[in-house]
Amino acid sequence: MKQKYSTDMSPAERAALWRQRLFEAEAGLTRYLTETRGGHDIDDWIAVRAEIYEGLPGPSGAAAAEEWQRVFFRAQALMERFLVSRYGHGELAAWARAGGEVHRHVEPDHGRGALDPVLRIARQAELYGSRYEVTEDGADRAALRITHCAIWDYRERARARGVGLTLDSPCEYCVHAMGANVAAKGFRPRHELTEGPEGHGCHWEAECAA
């Protein structure tokens, strides 16, 4: 299939996407606490937010993308621990749905229909250096196959350094978040987790809901 788009990003574009992902996740968790928990644990959440936003790098510079990747990963780990320790693993989906509503407003629409949310997944895969292929690129239906998810690699390197991780796998939250983003843009998400010779992967589809 001849692709009519590119997921290649400059360092500045990578840093911007890390910042947007951080905003979506953090604003989503604030929304979750407001709407679902009636603002419980406000003091603890403010303390976590202060830790998330402490010592942020600048928005540009040669190492900005790598610095913002570390910021995002640290923030994600803090948020997962905060949510799961108080409300349990079962609330990851509700957090993801709240983040999806934030995503609906902040992620630009490029007029490509179902391909737009699939390319957002592709760009996220590109951030980690995952191996993937867009297998369908229609406006009514689009699909992506990740044959090696490099998020696993990044997490295991962090675990080896002694970073405490709440979730056993990235998929525990990631599938909820990506599905919520697709649905928030008005498309029906479908996914399948895979494991093959290249490692952990997944297959994603976005289809017109009508």
Protein backbone atom coordinates (compact mmCIF):
# COMPACT_ATOMS: atom_id res chain seq x y z
CA MET A 1 0.00 0.00 0.00
CA LYS A 2 1.41 3.38 -0.93
CA GLN A 3 1.13 5.64 2.07
CA LYS A 4 -0.03 9.22 1.46
CA TYR A 5 1.06 10.45 4.88
CA SER A 6 4.05 10.31 7.16
CA THR A 7 4.46 9.57 10.85
CA ASP A 8 8.06 10.82 10.86
CA MET A 9 8.45 13.57 13.44
CA SER A 10 11.14 16.10 14.16
CA PRO A 11 12.55 16.27 17.72
CA ALA A 12 10.37 19.34 18.35
CA GLU A 13 7.25 17.48 17.14
CA ARG A 14 8.13 14.51 19.33
CA ALA A 15 8.52 16.74 22.37
CA ALA A 16 5.19 18.41 21.59
CA LEU A 17 3.41 15.06 21.39
CA TRP A 18 4.91 13.95 24.72
CA ARG A 19 3.62 17.17 26.28
CA GLN A 20 0.18 16.71 24.76
CA ARG A 21 0.00 13.13 26.03
CA LEU A 22 1.00 14.30 29.50
CA PHE A 23 -1.69 16.97 29.43
CA GLU A 24 -4.36 14.51 28.25
CA ALA A 25 -3.52 11.99 30.98
CA GLU A 26 -3.20 14.51 33.82
CA ALA A 27 -6.27 16.53 32.82
CA GLY A 28 -8.15 13.27 32.38
CA LEU A 29 -7.30 12.14 35.90
CA THR A 30 -8.35 15.52 37.30
CA ARG A 31 -11.63 15.16 35.39
CA TYR A 32 -12.06 11.61 36.69
CA LEU A 33 -11.56 12.76 40.30
CA THR A 34 -14.00 15.63 39.81
CA GLU A 35 -16.82 13.74 38.09
CA THR A 36 -16.44 10.25 39.51
CA ARG A 37 -15.01 10.80 42.99
CA GLY A 38 -16.54 14.15 43.90
CA GLY A 39 -13.14 15.67 44.41
CA HIS A 40 -11.99 13.15 47.02
CA ASP A 41 -8.23 12.94 47.70
CA ILE A 42 -7.73 16.52 46.49
CA ASP A 43 -4.78 17.18 48.78
CA ASP A 44 -2.99 13.99 47.74
CA TRP A 45 -3.68 14.69 44.07
CA ILE A 46 -2.31 18.22 44.33
CA ALA A 47 0.86 16.79 45.87
CA VAL A 48 1.19 14.27 43.02
CA ARG A 49 0.63 17.01 40.43
CA ALA A 50 3.37 19.08 42.04
CA GLU A 51 5.72 16.10 41.70
CA ILE A 52 4.69 15.60 38.08
CA TYR A 53 5.42 19.19 37.12
CA GLU A 54 8.57 19.67 39.17
CA GLY A 55 11.70 20.57 37.21
CA LEU A 56 10.24 20.40 33.71
CA PRO A 57 12.60 20.77 30.73
CA GLY A 58 12.20 23.54 28.19
CA PRO A 59 9.94 22.95 25.17
CA SER A 60 12.85 22.90 22.70
CA GLY A 61 16.48 21.97 22.41
CA ALA A 62 18.47 19.06 21.06
CA ALA A 63 17.48 16.68 23.87
CA ALA A 64 13.93 17.98 24.42
CA ALA A 65 12.15 14.89 23.08
CA GLU A 66 14.11 12.47 25.27
CA GLU A 67 13.69 14.72 28.30
CA TRP A 68 9.94 14.98 27.79
CA GLN A 69 9.73 11.22 27.29
CA ARG A 70 11.26 10.76 30.75
CA VAL A 71 8.86 13.34 32.19
CA PHE A 72 5.87 11.58 30.66
CA PHE A 73 6.98 8.14 31.84
CA ARG A 74 7.54 9.39 35.38
CA ALA A 75 4.17 11.15 35.38
CA GLN A 76 2.35 8.10 34.01
CA ALA A 77 3.90 5.91 36.71
CA LEU A 78 2.87 8.39 39.42
CA MET A 79 -0.69 8.62 38.12
CA GLU A 80 -1.08 4.85 37.80
CA ARG A 81 0.12 4.39 41.38
CA PHE A 82 -2.18 7.15 42.65
CA LEU A 83 -5.28 5.74 40.95
CA VAL A 84 -4.73 2.02 41.55
CA SER A 85 -3.65 2.40 45.18
CA ARG A 86 -6.88 4.24 46.01
CA TYR A 87 -9.52 2.92 43.65
CA GLY A 88 -8.17 -0.28 42.13
CA HIS A 89 -7.26 -1.56 38.67
CA GLY A 90 -10.92 -1.55 37.68
CA GLU A 91 -10.91 2.25 37.46
CA LEU A 92 -8.22 2.44 34.76
CA ALA A 93 -10.92 2.35 32.08
CA ALA A 94 -12.83 5.25 33.69
CA TRP A 95 -9.64 7.33 33.84
CA ALA A 96 -8.97 6.51 30.18
CA ARG A 97 -12.49 7.60 29.18
CA ALA A 98 -12.01 10.91 31.00
CA GLY A 99 -8.68 11.36 29.21
CA GLY A 100 -10.41 10.53 25.93
CA GLU A 101 -12.75 13.47 26.43
CA VAL A 102 -9.74 15.74 26.88
CA HIS A 103 -8.18 14.18 23.77
CA ARG A 104 -11.38 14.93 21.82
CA HIS A 105 -10.84 18.64 22.35
CA VAL A 106 -7.06 18.95 22.06
CA GLU A 107 -6.19 16.51 19.25
CA PRO A 108 -6.62 18.27 15.88
CA ASP A 109 -8.88 16.78 13.22
CA HIS A 110 -7.11 16.52 9.87
CA GLY A 111 -10.13 15.54 7.78
CA ARG A 112 -9.00 11.95 7.12
CA GLY A 113 -11.85 10.25 8.97
CA ALA A 114 -10.97 6.95 10.64
CA LEU A 115 -7.36 7.33 9.56
CA ASP A 116 -6.85 10.26 11.94
CA PRO A 117 -7.11 8.28 15.21
CA VAL A 118 -5.14 5.40 13.70
CA LEU A 119 -2.31 7.76 12.76
CA ARG A 120 -2.34 9.14 16.30
CA ILE A 121 -1.71 5.57 17.52
CA ALA A 122 1.03 5.27 14.90
CA ARG A 123 2.68 8.48 16.09
CA GLN A 124 2.62 7.20 19.67
CA ALA A 125 4.22 3.96 18.51
CA GLU A 126 6.81 6.01 16.64
CA LEU A 127 7.72 7.86 19.85
CA TYR A 128 9.04 4.64 21.38
CA GLY A 129 10.54 3.22 18.19
CA SER A 130 7.96 0.45 17.88
CA ARG A 131 7.67 -1.54 14.64
CA TYR A 132 4.30 -1.01 13.01
CA GLU A 133 2.42 -0.78 9.73
CA VAL A 134 -0.77 1.01 8.72
CA THR A 135 -2.69 -1.79 7.02
CA GLU A 136 -5.87 0.09 6.05
CA ASP A 137 -6.10 3.83 5.41
CA GLY A 138 -9.71 4.55 4.51
CA ALA A 139 -11.83 7.38 5.84
CA ASP A 140 -14.53 4.92 6.98
CA ARG A 141 -12.18 2.26 8.26
CA ALA A 142 -8.47 2.29 9.08
CA ALA A 143 -6.18 -0.17 10.80
CA LEU A 144 -2.70 -0.47 12.24
CA ARG A 145 -0.60 -3.45 13.23
CA ILE A 146 2.20 -3.11 15.80
CA THR A 147 4.50 -6.11 15.54
CA HIS A 148 6.92 -5.02 18.25
CA CYS A 149 5.75 -2.67 20.99
CA ALA A 150 8.83 -0.87 22.27
CA ILE A 151 6.93 0.47 25.28
CA TRP A 152 7.64 -2.94 26.80
CA ASP A 153 11.35 -2.44 26.22
CA TYR A 154 11.34 1.02 27.78
CA ARG A 155 9.40 -0.18 30.84
CA GLU A 156 11.64 -3.15 31.44
CA ARG A 157 14.76 -0.98 31.25
CA ALA A 158 13.14 1.32 33.80
CA ARG A 159 12.22 -1.63 36.02
CA ALA A 160 15.82 -2.85 35.87
CA ARG A 161 16.95 0.58 37.12
CA GLY A 162 14.70 0.16 40.14
CA VAL A 163 11.75 2.28 38.98
CA GLY A 164 8.60 1.12 40.75
CA LEU A 165 5.83 0.18 38.31
CA THR A 166 2.25 -0.39 39.44
CA LEU A 167 0.99 -2.28 36.40
CA ASP A 168 2.32 -5.64 35.25
CA SER A 169 2.17 -4.60 31.61
CA PRO A 170 1.65 -1.35 29.66
CA CYS A 171 -1.39 -2.89 28.00
CA GLU A 172 -3.39 -2.71 31.23
CA TYR A 173 -3.83 1.03 30.71
CA CYS A 174 -2.79 1.54 27.08
CA VAL A 175 -5.62 -0.43 25.50
CA HIS A 176 -8.19 1.56 27.49
CA ALA A 177 -6.53 4.86 26.60
CA MET A 178 -6.19 4.23 22.87
CA GLY A 179 -9.70 2.79 22.62
CA ALA A 180 -11.11 5.79 24.49
CA ASN A 181 -9.30 8.20 22.16
CA VAL A 182 -10.68 6.48 19.07
CA ALA A 183 -14.21 6.45 20.52
CA ALA A 184 -13.98 10.09 21.60
CA LYS A 185 -13.34 11.03 17.97
CA GLY A 186 -16.55 9.30 16.93
CA PHE A 187 -15.23 5.95 15.68
CA ARG A 188 -15.69 2.38 16.84
CA PRO A 189 -12.41 0.95 18.19
CA ARG A 190 -11.37 -2.69 18.00
CA HIS A 191 -8.12 -4.18 19.18
CA GLU A 192 -6.33 -7.48 19.54
CA LEU A 193 -3.20 -8.07 21.62
CA THR A 194 -0.62 -10.23 19.90
CA GLU A 195 2.65 -11.92 20.73
CA GLY A 196 4.94 -13.34 18.08
CA PRO A 197 8.56 -13.74 17.02
CA GLU A 198 9.09 -9.97 17.17
CA GLY A 199 7.64 -9.68 20.67
CA HIS A 200 4.53 -8.07 22.13
CA GLY A 201 2.26 -6.24 19.71
CA CYS A 202 -1.32 -5.39 18.90
CA HIS A 203 -3.74 -4.72 16.08
CA TRP A 204 -6.03 -1.68 16.09
CA GLU A 205 -9.01 -0.75 13.94
CA ALA A 206 -11.11 2.40 13.80
CA GLU A 207 -14.42 2.28 11.97
CA CYS A 208 -17.26 4.70 11.44
CA ALA A 209 -19.77 4.20 14.23
CA ALA A 210 -22.79 5.02 12.07
